[in-house]
Amino acid sequence: MSTALVEEALPVRAPLRERRTRAVLALARFEARRLLLSIPVVIAFVAYVAWIVWRTRDSSDGNPALQDADRATQSMPMLVGLAVLLCAARAVVRSERYGTEPHFSVLALQPWHRAAAHALSVVPAALLTAVCVAGQFTWEALKPGAIGHGSPAELAVGPLTVLAFGALGVLLGRLTRSAFAAPLLVVLLLFAFVLGTAPSEASGLSWLAPVVSVTGPDTLPSDLLGRPAAWHALYLAGAALCVAFLATAVAGGRGAAVRAGLALSLAAAVTGGILQAEGATASPELTAARERASVRPELTCAEHGRSTYCAFPEWGPRTGAWAAVVDHVQSLAGGSAHQRPLEVRQRMDARYGPGTDAAIPALTDAHRVTVGTAWGGNRVPEFSSAVAAVLVAGTEAAGSEICDGRMVTVMWLSLSWQDDPMDALRRVRLDDSVKGAAIVLSPTDPLSMTEGQTDVVRRLLEKPTAGTGARVKEHWAELTAPGVTTARAAELLGVAAPKKADSCED
């Protein structure tokens, strides 16, 4: 008799388990569709895609470093994650709000099965976020000026953030059964992530947040970033799974699979959290590597024309763009500067890590020019001004001290060949002006223009380049002689002299 009962029970139990699995997946598909079509999630994704198009079109002036571009994909998915959190929590408590909870008792699905289905329903939103992240990063990588290497772990942060927030919404719905808890949590998270003050990246505490994106004016080589990105991705994945299994356990799931999943995911989250905190502090090896890159960098050199261009390995493809600027400036110069070989060296100060703005001192070696790790936009006239200053004064250090009429020659060489010289003049000056005295930016120590020099340069830029270029080459020796006045430079170049005398204090 007992044998017959066993033989009848086995065929019945297996189909029941299969039906429950199919029912969980069917409910997950239904809830995922509702979630993706809910108004907050639709608005969040539309805003996300619009932000990608708006930002990526002109980001980095068309010259992105992919080790920065991967981190740029992390912030906006938090908006999607908050919308998914809100809608996932509302989906869990929908039966309470509409009074349909008693009807679920007649179904094969137990409450913890439904919690598992709700947890699975947030996966498509995370996958759609991954598609958006991939599209944004691919757009950056396909730009002609792209250099460097992206990190898969950094790219995974956005989708994992959405997954973790969605799982948190499911847990919140199971714990509170209130429709007001999720909106309140969203407000608190917005306050914490947008208006709150995050701990320092070096402290390790900031890595407990979903996104830790520190940006600065200079890009570091990939191997000098020192970000524990892989451990952070493990932490986020473990946290997302742990919250999902916890929501299932709260709903009544006590099976071995739920307990094992909860234990393993918790172990992964704790392991990732501990190791990312340790990795947030620069190791002695990383500190030494940053020191070498700042003081004694190992550069790869290439020759373009008469000059030599030395760059960090990831920046090798960019030397051609630097050479084009040097060729433009030198083609306008006279005397021996017209064919003088230059050495362009890439320099940075990586000793303080990413996110810092450290000044780079001017070189005192003759015919050497500094170029930074950023390029495009304002960086082009800044580098062009540094090249012109070295051609006129001989060294970067001497060029930064020019206060006489030679500054007119420097700025004309730097700007006259560019597509919009007047706009380039505005962008290279610290106050974005084209009148009055101003500081002129360069990769190292800045230059300075007096009000009179600005007036003369502006008049020269309004004239045809060819005519002024002939005068520059004809009078090169006098135009580049120390002590030449701005008035004399204006006379030699055929424009009206300024009303005020040279003065560095103007």
Protein backbone atom coordinates (compact mmCIF):
# COMPACT_ATOMS: atom_id res chain seq x y z
CA MET A 1 0.00 0.00 0.00
CA SER A 2 2.76 2.44 0.92
CA THR A 3 4.63 1.57 -2.27
CA ALA A 4 1.61 2.44 -4.37
CA LEU A 5 1.25 5.80 -2.63
CA VAL A 6 4.86 6.69 -3.37
CA GLU A 7 4.49 5.72 -7.01
CA GLU A 8 1.40 7.93 -7.36
CA ALA A 9 2.90 10.91 -5.46
CA LEU A 10 6.08 11.24 -7.54
CA PRO A 11 4.36 11.82 -10.89
CA VAL A 12 2.05 14.39 -9.28
CA ARG A 13 4.78 16.32 -7.38
CA ALA A 14 7.03 16.92 -10.39
CA PRO A 15 4.34 18.48 -12.60
CA LEU A 16 3.23 20.64 -9.66
CA ARG A 17 6.79 21.97 -9.24
CA GLU A 18 7.02 22.61 -12.97
CA ARG A 19 3.67 24.39 -12.98
CA ARG A 20 4.81 26.63 -10.15
CA THR A 21 8.03 27.48 -11.99
CA ARG A 22 6.10 28.29 -15.14
CA ALA A 23 3.65 30.33 -13.10
CA VAL A 24 6.45 32.31 -11.45
CA LEU A 25 8.02 33.07 -14.83
CA ALA A 26 4.64 33.99 -16.32
CA LEU A 27 3.93 36.36 -13.44
CA ALA A 28 7.43 37.79 -13.76
CA ARG A 29 6.86 38.48 -17.47
CA PHE A 30 3.52 40.10 -16.75
CA GLU A 31 4.92 42.29 -13.98
CA ALA A 32 8.01 43.18 -16.05
CA ARG A 33 5.79 44.41 -18.87
CA ARG A 34 3.70 46.48 -16.48
CA LEU A 35 6.85 47.83 -14.88
CA LEU A 36 8.44 48.90 -18.17
CA LEU A 37 5.21 50.54 -19.32
CA SER A 38 4.53 52.35 -16.05
CA ILE A 39 4.62 56.13 -16.35
CA PRO A 40 7.54 56.81 -13.94
CA VAL A 41 9.77 54.20 -15.63
CA VAL A 42 8.88 55.39 -19.13
CA ILE A 43 9.65 59.00 -18.16
CA ALA A 44 12.92 57.93 -16.55
CA PHE A 45 14.07 56.01 -19.63
CA VAL A 46 13.03 58.81 -22.00
CA ALA A 47 14.96 61.29 -19.86
CA TYR A 48 17.91 58.88 -19.74
CA VAL A 49 18.07 58.47 -23.53
CA ALA A 50 17.64 62.21 -24.06
CA TRP A 51 20.48 62.85 -21.62
CA ILE A 52 22.72 60.38 -23.47
CA VAL A 53 22.09 62.12 -26.78
CA TRP A 54 22.52 65.60 -25.31
CA ARG A 55 25.69 64.79 -23.40
CA THR A 56 27.50 62.36 -25.66
CA ARG A 57 27.11 64.40 -28.83
CA ASP A 58 29.64 67.02 -27.69
CA SER A 59 31.24 65.35 -24.67
CA SER A 60 34.99 65.76 -24.23
CA ASP A 61 35.02 67.96 -27.34
CA GLY A 62 35.07 64.81 -29.46
CA ASN A 63 38.25 63.51 -27.81
CA PRO A 64 37.13 61.22 -24.96
CA ALA A 65 39.37 59.11 -22.78
CA LEU A 66 37.52 55.83 -22.43
CA GLN A 67 38.74 55.29 -18.86
CA ASP A 68 36.67 58.38 -18.03
CA ALA A 69 33.83 57.62 -20.45
CA ASP A 70 32.98 54.35 -18.69
CA ARG A 71 32.42 56.17 -15.38
CA ALA A 72 30.27 58.76 -17.14
CA THR A 73 27.67 56.02 -17.72
CA GLN A 74 26.99 55.51 -14.01
CA SER A 75 25.08 58.52 -12.71
CA MET A 76 21.90 58.64 -14.83
CA PRO A 77 20.92 54.97 -14.26
CA MET A 78 20.27 55.99 -10.66
CA LEU A 79 17.27 57.97 -11.94
CA VAL A 80 15.97 54.86 -13.67
CA GLY A 81 16.69 52.84 -10.54
CA LEU A 82 14.61 55.15 -8.38
CA ALA A 83 11.69 54.91 -10.81
CA VAL A 84 11.99 51.10 -10.86
CA LEU A 85 12.12 51.04 -7.04
CA LEU A 86 8.94 53.08 -6.83
CA CYS A 87 7.01 51.01 -9.37
CA ALA A 88 8.26 47.64 -8.08
CA ALA A 89 7.11 48.50 -4.56
CA ARG A 90 3.71 49.62 -5.83
CA ALA A 91 3.37 46.39 -7.82
CA VAL A 92 4.00 44.30 -4.69
CA VAL A 93 1.29 46.10 -2.68
CA ARG A 94 -1.17 46.31 -5.58
CA SER A 95 -3.21 43.41 -4.26
CA GLU A 96 -3.50 45.13 -0.86
CA ARG A 97 -4.59 48.42 -2.41
CA TYR A 98 -7.24 46.81 -4.60
CA GLY A 99 -8.40 44.20 -2.09
CA THR A 100 -7.51 41.22 -4.28
CA GLU A 101 -5.12 39.55 -1.86
CA PRO A 102 -7.64 36.83 -0.78
CA HIS A 103 -8.01 35.68 -4.39
CA PHE A 104 -4.35 34.60 -4.52
CA SER A 105 -5.07 31.86 -1.95
CA VAL A 106 -6.75 29.76 -4.66
CA LEU A 107 -3.63 29.82 -6.86
CA ALA A 108 -0.67 27.45 -6.83
CA LEU A 109 1.67 30.33 -6.09
CA GLN A 110 2.53 30.99 -2.49
CA PRO A 111 3.42 34.52 -1.33
CA TRP A 112 7.14 33.87 -1.58
CA HIS A 113 6.70 32.65 -5.17
CA ARG A 114 5.03 35.95 -6.00
CA ALA A 115 7.86 37.84 -4.28
CA ALA A 116 10.36 35.94 -6.42
CA ALA A 117 8.36 36.83 -9.54
CA HIS A 118 8.39 40.51 -8.59
CA ALA A 119 12.15 40.34 -8.02
CA LEU A 120 12.61 38.77 -11.46
CA SER A 121 10.42 41.45 -13.03
CA VAL A 122 13.07 44.13 -12.49
CA VAL A 123 15.67 42.22 -14.54
CA PRO A 124 14.40 43.50 -17.94
CA ALA A 125 14.71 47.09 -16.71
CA ALA A 126 18.31 46.38 -15.73
CA LEU A 127 18.96 44.78 -19.13
CA LEU A 128 17.46 47.78 -20.92
CA THR A 129 19.74 50.00 -18.85
CA ALA A 130 22.68 47.85 -19.95
CA VAL A 131 21.70 48.48 -23.57
CA CYS A 132 21.66 52.23 -22.93
CA VAL A 133 25.05 52.05 -21.19
CA ALA A 134 26.50 50.05 -24.08
CA GLY A 135 25.12 52.53 -26.59
CA GLN A 136 26.55 55.53 -24.76
CA PHE A 137 29.99 53.98 -24.35
CA THR A 138 30.09 52.70 -27.94
CA TRP A 139 29.24 56.18 -29.19
CA GLU A 140 32.19 57.55 -27.23
CA ALA A 141 34.52 54.77 -28.39
CA LEU A 142 33.69 55.36 -32.07
CA LYS A 143 34.65 59.03 -31.97
CA PRO A 144 37.80 59.64 -34.04
CA GLY A 145 39.65 61.21 -31.11
CA ALA A 146 38.89 58.47 -28.57
CA ILE A 147 41.84 57.02 -26.65
CA GLY A 148 42.34 54.74 -23.65
CA HIS A 149 40.51 51.69 -22.38
CA GLY A 150 37.17 51.25 -20.66
CA SER A 151 36.46 48.88 -17.77
CA PRO A 152 33.66 46.28 -17.99
CA ALA A 153 33.30 46.49 -14.21
CA GLU A 154 32.72 50.25 -14.40
CA LEU A 155 30.18 49.76 -17.18
CA ALA A 156 28.30 47.19 -15.07
CA VAL A 157 27.60 49.70 -12.28
CA GLY A 158 24.60 51.32 -14.00
CA PRO A 159 22.62 48.13 -14.68
CA LEU A 160 23.52 46.69 -11.25
CA THR A 161 22.29 49.90 -9.60
CA VAL A 162 18.92 49.52 -11.31
CA LEU A 163 18.79 45.85 -10.28
CA ALA A 164 19.60 46.68 -6.65
CA PHE A 165 17.06 49.51 -6.47
CA GLY A 166 14.37 47.31 -8.00
CA ALA A 167 15.05 44.52 -5.51
CA LEU A 168 14.92 47.07 -2.71
CA GLY A 169 11.49 48.15 -3.93
CA VAL A 170 10.25 44.55 -3.78
CA LEU A 171 11.61 44.13 -0.24
CA LEU A 172 10.07 47.42 0.85
CA GLY A 173 6.69 46.34 -0.50
CA ARG A 174 6.86 43.02 1.37
CA LEU A 175 7.94 44.66 4.63
CA THR A 176 5.54 47.60 4.84
CA ARG A 177 2.60 46.74 2.55
CA SER A 178 2.17 50.52 2.32
CA ALA A 179 1.88 52.57 -0.87
CA PHE A 180 3.54 55.58 0.79
CA ALA A 181 6.76 53.90 1.91
CA ALA A 182 8.37 53.77 -1.56
CA PRO A 183 7.83 57.47 -2.44
CA LEU A 184 9.22 58.44 0.96
CA LEU A 185 12.30 56.27 0.41
CA VAL A 186 12.81 57.76 -3.06
CA VAL A 187 12.80 61.24 -1.56
CA LEU A 188 15.30 60.19 1.10
CA LEU A 189 17.59 58.59 -1.49
CA LEU A 190 17.42 61.67 -3.69
CA PHE A 191 18.40 63.80 -0.72
CA ALA A 192 21.25 61.45 0.19
CA PHE A 193 22.71 61.02 -3.31
CA VAL A 194 22.04 64.47 -4.79
CA LEU A 195 22.07 66.91 -1.90
CA GLY A 196 24.01 64.94 0.67
CA THR A 197 27.75 65.20 1.22
CA ALA A 198 29.53 61.97 0.34
CA PRO A 199 32.59 60.83 2.26
CA SER A 200 35.99 61.10 0.65
CA GLU A 201 36.76 58.45 -1.97
CA ALA A 202 39.97 57.58 -0.14
CA SER A 203 38.04 56.77 3.06
CA GLY A 204 36.41 53.71 1.51
CA LEU A 205 33.01 54.62 3.00
CA SER A 206 31.90 56.32 -0.21
CA TRP A 207 32.16 52.96 -1.99
CA LEU A 208 29.12 51.75 -0.08
CA ALA A 209 27.08 54.05 -2.35
CA PRO A 210 26.00 52.67 -5.74
CA VAL A 211 27.99 55.23 -7.74
CA VAL A 212 31.42 56.64 -6.86
CA SER A 213 32.39 58.93 -9.72
CA VAL A 214 35.27 61.32 -9.09
CA THR A 215 36.13 63.54 -12.04
CA GLY A 216 38.86 66.10 -12.49
CA PRO A 217 40.29 68.33 -15.21
CA ASP A 218 43.00 65.83 -16.12
CA THR A 219 42.69 62.24 -17.25
CA LEU A 220 44.99 59.63 -15.77
CA PRO A 221 46.24 56.51 -17.57
CA SER A 222 44.07 53.47 -16.93
CA ASP A 223 46.64 51.74 -14.74
CA LEU A 224 46.96 54.78 -12.44
CA LEU A 225 43.29 55.22 -11.58
CA GLY A 226 43.39 52.89 -8.59
CA ARG A 227 39.63 52.33 -8.48
CA PRO A 228 38.44 48.95 -7.05
CA ALA A 229 35.86 48.70 -9.83
CA ALA A 230 35.68 44.89 -9.96
CA TRP A 231 35.11 44.59 -6.20
CA HIS A 232 32.49 47.34 -6.37
CA ALA A 233 30.64 45.46 -9.10
CA LEU A 234 30.75 42.30 -6.96
CA TYR A 235 29.44 44.31 -4.00
CA LEU A 236 26.52 45.70 -6.03
CA ALA A 237 25.66 42.33 -7.55
CA GLY A 238 25.80 40.64 -4.15
CA ALA A 239 23.71 43.38 -2.55
CA ALA A 240 21.06 43.18 -5.30
CA LEU A 241 20.76 39.40 -5.01
CA CYS A 242 20.84 39.51 -1.23
CA VAL A 243 17.95 41.99 -1.10
CA ALA A 244 15.98 39.91 -3.63
CA PHE A 245 16.45 36.68 -1.63
CA LEU A 246 15.64 38.56 1.56
CA ALA A 247 12.35 39.77 0.05
CA THR A 248 11.58 36.16 -0.85
CA ALA A 249 12.43 34.99 2.66
CA VAL A 250 10.27 37.73 4.25
CA ALA A 251 7.37 36.54 2.11
CA GLY A 252 7.72 33.02 3.55
CA GLY A 253 10.37 31.37 1.44
CA ARG A 254 12.25 29.02 3.75
CA GLY A 255 13.50 26.43 1.29
CA ALA A 256 17.10 25.34 0.91
CA ALA A 257 17.50 27.25 -2.36
CA VAL A 258 16.38 30.53 -0.76
CA ARG A 259 18.59 30.05 2.29
CA ALA A 260 21.61 29.12 0.16
CA GLY A 261 21.02 32.04 -2.21
CA LEU A 262 20.70 34.45 0.70
CA ALA A 263 23.89 33.18 2.32
CA LEU A 264 25.95 33.23 -0.89
CA SER A 265 24.74 36.65 -2.01
CA LEU A 266 25.37 38.09 1.44
CA ALA A 267 28.88 36.64 1.39
CA ALA A 268 29.49 38.18 -2.04
CA ALA A 269 28.25 41.60 -0.90
CA VAL A 270 30.36 41.54 2.28
CA THR A 271 33.44 40.32 0.41
CA GLY A 272 33.07 42.96 -2.27
CA GLY A 273 32.40 45.66 0.32
CA ILE A 274 35.46 44.83 2.39
CA LEU A 275 37.83 44.47 -0.56
CA GLN A 276 36.59 47.64 -2.27
CA ALA A 277 37.18 49.59 0.95
CA GLU A 278 40.73 48.24 1.10
CA GLY A 279 41.29 48.97 -2.59
CA ALA A 280 40.10 52.56 -2.23
CA THR A 281 43.37 53.40 -0.48
CA ALA A 282 46.29 53.67 -2.87
CA SER A 283 48.78 50.86 -2.42
CA PRO A 284 52.52 51.58 -2.14
CA GLU A 285 52.97 50.18 -5.65
CA LEU A 286 50.29 52.48 -7.08
CA THR A 287 51.71 55.48 -5.21
CA ALA A 288 55.16 54.74 -6.63
CA ALA A 289 53.76 54.36 -10.15
CA ARG A 290 51.95 57.69 -9.88
CA GLU A 291 55.15 59.31 -8.65
CA ARG A 292 57.11 57.94 -11.61
CA ALA A 293 54.46 59.06 -14.09
CA SER A 294 54.55 62.57 -12.62
CA VAL A 295 58.31 63.01 -12.23
CA ARG A 296 60.00 60.50 -14.55
CA PRO A 297 57.32 59.33 -16.97
CA GLU A 298 57.98 56.49 -19.38
CA LEU A 299 56.75 57.95 -22.65
CA THR A 300 56.55 56.60 -26.17
CA CYS A 301 58.02 59.02 -28.70
CA ALA A 302 57.18 59.47 -32.37
CA GLU A 303 58.41 61.88 -34.99
CA HIS A 304 56.11 63.99 -37.13
CA GLY A 305 57.96 66.22 -39.52
CA ARG A 306 60.82 68.01 -37.79
CA SER A 307 59.54 67.60 -34.25
CA THR A 308 59.32 64.79 -31.71
CA TYR A 309 56.17 63.98 -29.75
CA CYS A 310 56.36 61.93 -26.55
CA ALA A 311 53.17 60.64 -24.95
CA PHE A 312 51.91 58.03 -22.52
CA PRO A 313 51.17 54.81 -24.43
CA GLU A 314 47.39 55.26 -24.43
CA TRP A 315 47.78 58.75 -25.93
CA GLY A 316 49.98 57.62 -28.84
CA PRO A 317 47.23 58.04 -31.48
CA ARG A 318 46.81 61.67 -30.47
CA THR A 319 50.33 62.82 -31.41
CA GLY A 320 49.17 63.51 -34.96
CA ALA A 321 46.67 66.08 -33.72
CA TRP A 322 49.40 67.79 -31.67
CA ALA A 323 51.69 67.81 -34.70
CA ALA A 324 49.01 69.51 -36.81
CA VAL A 325 48.83 72.38 -34.31
CA VAL A 326 52.62 72.73 -34.17
CA ASP A 327 52.83 72.76 -37.98
CA HIS A 328 50.19 75.50 -38.20
CA VAL A 329 51.99 77.71 -35.70
CA GLN A 330 55.45 77.13 -37.16
CA SER A 331 54.25 77.84 -40.68
CA LEU A 332 53.48 81.40 -39.56
CA ALA A 333 56.75 81.96 -37.70
CA GLY A 334 59.83 83.61 -39.19
CA GLY A 335 63.57 83.27 -38.81
CA SER A 336 64.99 80.06 -37.45
CA ALA A 337 61.74 79.35 -35.55
CA HIS A 338 60.06 78.49 -38.84
CA GLN A 339 61.96 75.20 -39.07
CA ARG A 340 63.11 74.72 -35.49
CA PRO A 341 62.68 71.14 -34.20
CA LEU A 342 60.57 71.02 -31.06
CA GLU A 343 60.05 68.33 -28.47
CA VAL A 344 56.47 68.05 -27.29
CA ARG A 345 56.18 66.08 -24.06
CA GLN A 346 53.02 64.97 -22.33
CA ARG A 347 53.04 65.81 -18.64
CA MET A 348 50.67 65.42 -15.72
CA ASP A 349 50.68 65.31 -11.94
CA ALA A 350 49.12 62.01 -10.89
CA ARG A 351 50.52 61.97 -7.35
CA TYR A 352 47.22 63.03 -5.79
CA GLY A 353 45.03 60.65 -7.75
CA PRO A 354 42.03 61.35 -9.99
CA GLY A 355 39.83 64.33 -9.30
CA THR A 356 42.65 66.71 -8.36
CA ASP A 357 43.72 69.86 -10.19
CA ALA A 358 47.48 70.07 -9.75
CA ALA A 359 49.50 72.79 -11.48
CA ILE A 360 52.31 71.72 -13.81
CA PRO A 361 55.40 73.96 -13.67
CA ALA A 362 56.76 75.39 -16.91
CA LEU A 363 59.80 73.73 -18.48
CA THR A 364 63.11 75.56 -18.51
CA ASP A 365 64.61 73.41 -21.29
CA ALA A 366 64.87 75.13 -24.66
CA HIS A 367 62.45 74.17 -27.44
CA ARG A 368 60.35 71.87 -25.24
CA VAL A 369 56.58 72.20 -25.07
CA THR A 370 54.16 70.61 -22.59
CA VAL A 371 50.85 69.05 -23.59
CA GLY A 372 48.30 67.71 -21.12
CA THR A 373 46.12 64.63 -21.10
CA ALA A 374 42.96 66.44 -22.23
CA TRP A 375 42.41 67.59 -25.79
CA GLY A 376 39.90 69.40 -27.95
CA GLY A 377 37.92 72.57 -27.30
CA ASN A 378 39.83 75.08 -25.20
CA ARG A 379 42.83 72.78 -24.93
CA VAL A 380 43.75 73.46 -28.58
CA PRO A 381 44.31 77.25 -28.31
CA GLU A 382 45.98 76.72 -24.92
CA PHE A 383 48.50 74.32 -26.45
CA SER A 384 48.88 76.55 -29.49
CA SER A 385 49.73 79.49 -27.21
CA ALA A 386 52.35 77.39 -25.43
CA VAL A 387 53.96 76.45 -28.77
CA ALA A 388 53.99 80.08 -29.93
CA ALA A 389 55.51 81.24 -26.63
CA VAL A 390 58.35 78.72 -26.94
CA LEU A 391 59.03 79.76 -30.54
CA VAL A 392 59.21 83.42 -29.50
CA ALA A 393 60.88 83.21 -26.08
CA GLY A 394 62.81 79.95 -26.36
CA THR A 395 61.42 78.18 -23.26
CA GLU A 396 58.08 77.77 -21.52
CA ALA A 397 59.38 79.48 -18.39
CA ALA A 398 60.56 82.52 -20.38
CA GLY A 399 57.32 82.61 -22.33
CA SER A 400 55.22 82.82 -19.16
CA GLU A 401 57.18 85.95 -18.16
CA ILE A 402 56.62 87.89 -21.39
CA CYS A 403 55.16 91.30 -20.68
CA ASP A 404 56.28 93.38 -23.67
CA GLY A 405 55.21 93.58 -27.29
CA ARG A 406 56.32 90.02 -27.98
CA MET A 407 52.97 88.95 -26.55
CA VAL A 408 51.31 90.34 -29.68
CA THR A 409 53.39 88.03 -31.84
CA VAL A 410 52.74 85.06 -29.55
CA MET A 411 48.98 85.46 -29.64
CA TRP A 412 48.81 86.10 -33.38
CA LEU A 413 50.83 82.95 -34.06
CA SER A 414 48.58 81.02 -31.70
CA LEU A 415 45.21 82.18 -32.99
CA SER A 416 45.36 83.46 -36.57
CA TRP A 417 45.33 80.02 -38.23
CA GLN A 418 42.28 78.72 -36.34
CA ASP A 419 38.81 78.49 -37.87
CA ASP A 420 37.40 81.29 -35.70
CA PRO A 421 40.35 83.28 -34.32
CA MET A 422 38.22 85.68 -32.30
CA ASP A 423 36.34 82.86 -30.63
CA ALA A 424 39.66 81.13 -29.93
CA LEU A 425 40.91 84.36 -28.31
CA ARG A 426 37.86 84.37 -26.06
CA ARG A 427 38.24 80.72 -25.08
CA VAL A 428 41.93 80.88 -24.28
CA ARG A 429 41.50 83.76 -21.83
CA LEU A 430 40.53 83.06 -18.25
CA ASP A 431 37.63 85.55 -18.20
CA ASP A 432 36.32 84.64 -21.70
CA SER A 433 36.78 88.22 -22.87
CA VAL A 434 38.21 89.87 -25.99
CA LYS A 435 38.82 93.26 -24.42
CA GLY A 436 41.00 94.49 -21.59
CA ALA A 437 43.77 92.76 -19.72
CA ALA A 438 43.44 89.04 -19.04
CA ILE A 439 45.24 85.83 -18.11
CA VAL A 440 45.96 83.51 -21.03
CA LEU A 441 45.71 79.81 -20.17
CA SER A 442 48.33 77.27 -21.19
CA PRO A 443 49.20 73.69 -20.17
CA THR A 444 51.71 75.02 -17.62
CA ASP A 445 52.17 78.52 -16.19
CA PRO A 446 49.74 81.02 -17.72
CA LEU A 447 50.65 84.01 -19.85
CA SER A 448 49.25 87.51 -19.49
CA MET A 449 47.96 90.14 -21.91
CA THR A 450 47.66 93.85 -21.22
CA GLU A 451 44.75 95.89 -22.47
CA GLY A 452 46.89 97.41 -25.21
CA GLN A 453 48.16 94.03 -26.39
CA THR A 454 44.58 92.74 -26.52
CA ASP A 455 43.54 95.71 -28.71
CA VAL A 456 46.41 95.11 -31.14
CA VAL A 457 45.83 91.35 -31.34
CA ARG A 458 42.12 91.88 -31.95
CA ARG A 459 42.87 94.29 -34.84
CA LEU A 460 45.36 91.82 -36.33
CA LEU A 461 42.88 88.96 -36.21
CA GLU A 462 40.41 91.05 -38.19
CA LYS A 463 42.91 91.43 -41.05
CA PRO A 464 43.79 88.80 -43.71
CA THR A 465 46.26 86.27 -42.38
CA ALA A 466 48.48 86.30 -45.45
CA GLY A 467 49.31 90.02 -45.28
CA THR A 468 50.08 89.97 -41.58
CA GLY A 469 52.05 86.76 -41.98
CA ALA A 470 54.37 88.35 -44.49
CA ARG A 471 55.03 91.24 -42.08
CA VAL A 472 55.69 88.82 -39.20
CA LYS A 473 58.31 86.94 -41.18
CA GLU A 474 59.86 90.16 -42.51
CA HIS A 475 60.24 91.73 -39.05
CA TRP A 476 60.65 88.52 -37.04
CA ALA A 477 63.90 89.49 -35.35
CA GLU A 478 62.55 92.79 -34.04
CA LEU A 479 59.11 91.39 -33.14
CA THR A 480 60.72 88.71 -30.95
CA ALA A 481 63.42 90.89 -29.39
CA PRO A 482 63.06 91.32 -25.59
CA GLY A 483 61.88 94.81 -24.74
CA VAL A 484 60.02 95.55 -27.96
CA THR A 485 57.00 97.68 -27.13
CA THR A 486 53.45 96.90 -28.06
CA ALA A 487 53.30 100.16 -29.98
CA ARG A 488 56.34 99.18 -32.04
CA ALA A 489 54.90 95.71 -32.71
CA ALA A 490 51.67 97.31 -33.89
CA GLU A 491 53.60 99.65 -36.21
CA LEU A 492 55.60 96.80 -37.73
CA LEU A 493 52.43 94.78 -38.32
CA GLY A 494 50.51 97.67 -39.86
CA VAL A 495 47.79 98.36 -37.27
CA ALA A 496 47.06 101.25 -34.95
CA ALA A 497 49.07 101.43 -31.75
CA PRO A 498 47.28 101.06 -28.39
CA LYS A 499 46.39 104.14 -26.41
CA LYS A 500 48.00 102.80 -23.23
CA ALA A 501 51.62 101.84 -22.70
CA ASP A 502 52.70 98.31 -21.78
CA SER A 503 51.95 97.40 -18.19
CA CYS A 504 51.62 93.97 -16.60
CA GLU A 505 49.38 95.45 -13.97
CA ASP A 506 46.71 96.67 -16.38
